[in-house]
Amino acid sequence: MLDFPAVIDATDTYDGPFMRPLTDGEVRAWAPDARPTCADWDDALDSGRLTFPDRALGNCTVLYRNGLPAQIGYWGTTAD
């Protein structure tokens, strides 16, 4: 479980604990069409193309199904 008190802007570089959405460029680095599916996200995490953020930080991105926003993928590293 990730427990972050706030979501910050995608371009902010503050230290945590925060959840930060990916920038368009960060998404396009592993999903060139900028509309990643859940499978794309899983593959990017498993392959290391999408890395986990540092301690007490989380990232998130919109995931698509049939070209439409369907869910949000969250991943991060706890402060524990």
C-alpha atoms as a PDB file:
ATOM      1  CA  MET A   1       0.000   0.000   0.000  1.00  0.00           C
ATOM      2  CA  LEU A   2       1.240   3.454  -0.897  1.00  0.00           C
ATOM      3  CA  ASP A   3       0.222   6.272   1.412  1.00  0.00           C
ATOM      4  CA  PHE A   4       1.044   9.734   0.097  1.00  0.00           C
ATOM      5  CA  PRO A   5      -0.512  12.959   1.436  1.00  0.00           C
ATOM      6  CA  ALA A   6      -0.718  14.790  -1.899  1.00  0.00           C
ATOM      7  CA  VAL A   7      -0.367  14.578  -5.651  1.00  0.00           C
ATOM      8  CA  ILE A   8       2.097  17.053  -7.127  1.00  0.00           C
ATOM      9  CA  ASP A   9       2.426  18.420 -10.645  1.00  0.00           C
ATOM     10  CA  ALA A  10       4.134  16.109 -13.145  1.00  0.00           C
ATOM     11  CA  THR A  11       7.030  18.556 -13.572  1.00  0.00           C
ATOM     12  CA  ASP A  12       7.719  19.044  -9.846  1.00  0.00           C
ATOM     13  CA  THR A  13      10.890  17.459  -8.522  1.00  0.00           C
ATOM     14  CA  TYR A  14      10.230  17.811  -4.793  1.00  0.00           C
ATOM     15  CA  ASP A  15      11.242  15.020  -2.459  1.00  0.00           C
ATOM     16  CA  GLY A  16       8.420  12.918  -1.032  1.00  0.00           C
ATOM     17  CA  PRO A  17       6.233  11.805   0.264  1.00  0.00           C
ATOM     18  CA  PHE A  18       4.236  12.664  -2.847  1.00  0.00           C
ATOM     19  CA  MET A  19       2.468  10.950  -5.715  1.00  0.00           C
ATOM     20  CA  ARG A  20       3.517  12.381  -9.088  1.00  0.00           C
ATOM     21  CA  PRO A  21       1.879  11.711 -12.448  1.00  0.00           C
ATOM     22  CA  LEU A  22       4.257  11.036 -15.328  1.00  0.00           C
ATOM     23  CA  THR A  23       4.898  13.721 -17.910  1.00  0.00           C
ATOM     24  CA  ASP A  24       3.883  13.094 -21.515  1.00  0.00           C
ATOM     25  CA  GLY A  25       7.542  12.517 -22.410  1.00  0.00           C
ATOM     26  CA  GLU A  26       7.980   9.973 -19.632  1.00  0.00           C
ATOM     27  CA  VAL A  27       4.940   8.042 -20.836  1.00  0.00           C
ATOM     28  CA  ARG A  28       6.062   8.162 -24.477  1.00  0.00           C
ATOM     29  CA  ALA A  29       9.441   6.672 -23.495  1.00  0.00           C
ATOM     30  CA  TRP A  30       7.725   3.300 -22.937  1.00  0.00           C
ATOM     31  CA  ALA A  31       4.368   3.822 -24.695  1.00  0.00           C
ATOM     32  CA  PRO A  32       5.064   5.786 -27.909  1.00  0.00           C
ATOM     33  CA  ASP A  33       1.373   6.451 -28.611  1.00  0.00           C
ATOM     34  CA  ALA A  34       0.986   7.964 -25.092  1.00  0.00           C
ATOM     35  CA  ARG A  35      -2.046   5.740 -24.463  1.00  0.00           C
ATOM     36  CA  PRO A  36      -0.621   2.827 -22.506  1.00  0.00           C
ATOM     37  CA  THR A  37      -2.753  -0.172 -21.662  1.00  0.00           C
ATOM     38  CA  CYS A  38      -2.491  -2.104 -18.429  1.00  0.00           C
ATOM     39  CA  ALA A  39      -0.451  -4.724 -20.332  1.00  0.00           C
ATOM     40  CA  ASP A  40       1.940  -2.011 -21.622  1.00  0.00           C
ATOM     41  CA  TRP A  41       2.393  -0.733 -18.071  1.00  0.00           C
ATOM     42  CA  ASP A  42       3.027  -4.220 -16.665  1.00  0.00           C
ATOM     43  CA  ASP A  43       5.540  -4.950 -19.434  1.00  0.00           C
ATOM     44  CA  ALA A  44       7.345  -1.640 -18.860  1.00  0.00           C
ATOM     45  CA  LEU A  45       7.642  -2.307 -15.118  1.00  0.00           C
ATOM     46  CA  ASP A  46       8.734  -5.929 -15.622  1.00  0.00           C
ATOM     47  CA  SER A  47      11.342  -5.017 -18.253  1.00  0.00           C
ATOM     48  CA  GLY A  48      12.830  -2.113 -16.298  1.00  0.00           C
ATOM     49  CA  ARG A  49      11.883   0.455 -18.970  1.00  0.00           C
ATOM     50  CA  LEU A  50       9.707   2.017 -16.285  1.00  0.00           C
ATOM     51  CA  THR A  51      11.517   2.258 -12.973  1.00  0.00           C
ATOM     52  CA  PHE A  52      10.351   2.626  -9.418  1.00  0.00           C
ATOM     53  CA  PRO A  53      10.895   6.060  -7.858  1.00  0.00           C
ATOM     54  CA  ASP A  54      13.100   6.677  -4.849  1.00  0.00           C
ATOM     55  CA  ARG A  55      12.063   6.083  -1.251  1.00  0.00           C
ATOM     56  CA  ALA A  56       8.828   7.809  -0.130  1.00  0.00           C
ATOM     57  CA  LEU A  57       7.799   8.625  -3.704  1.00  0.00           C
ATOM     58  CA  GLY A  58       5.101   7.325  -5.993  1.00  0.00           C
ATOM     59  CA  ASN A  59       4.203   7.714  -9.643  1.00  0.00           C
ATOM     60  CA  CYS A  60       0.958   7.293 -11.496  1.00  0.00           C
ATOM     61  CA  THR A  61      -0.315   7.332 -15.051  1.00  0.00           C
ATOM     62  CA  VAL A  62      -3.596   6.933 -16.879  1.00  0.00           C
ATOM     63  CA  LEU A  63      -4.099   3.523 -18.488  1.00  0.00           C
ATOM     64  CA  TYR A  64      -6.329   3.060 -21.519  1.00  0.00           C
ATOM     65  CA  ARG A  65      -8.695   0.373 -22.762  1.00  0.00           C
ATOM     66  CA  ASN A  66     -10.008   0.569 -26.329  1.00  0.00           C
ATOM     67  CA  GLY A  67      -8.416   3.999 -26.658  1.00  0.00           C
ATOM     68  CA  LEU A  68     -10.289   5.457 -23.684  1.00  0.00           C
ATOM     69  CA  PRO A  69      -9.035   6.250 -20.163  1.00  0.00           C
ATOM     70  CA  ALA A  70      -9.974   3.240 -18.028  1.00  0.00           C
ATOM     71  CA  GLN A  71      -7.885   3.221 -14.855  1.00  0.00           C
ATOM     72  CA  ILE A  72      -4.835   4.658 -13.163  1.00  0.00           C
ATOM     73  CA  GLY A  73      -1.651   2.713 -12.582  1.00  0.00           C
ATOM     74  CA  TYR A  74       0.124   3.516  -9.316  1.00  0.00           C
ATOM     75  CA  TRP A  75       3.609   2.378  -8.267  1.00  0.00           C
ATOM     76  CA  GLY A  76       6.175   3.595  -5.840  1.00  0.00           C
ATOM     77  CA  THR A  77       8.443   2.980  -2.903  1.00  0.00           C
ATOM     78  CA  THR A  78       7.314   3.284   0.689  1.00  0.00           C
ATOM     79  CA  ALA A  79       9.074   5.375   3.318  1.00  0.00           C
ATOM     80  CA  ASP A  80       9.407   2.373   5.626  1.00  0.00           C
END
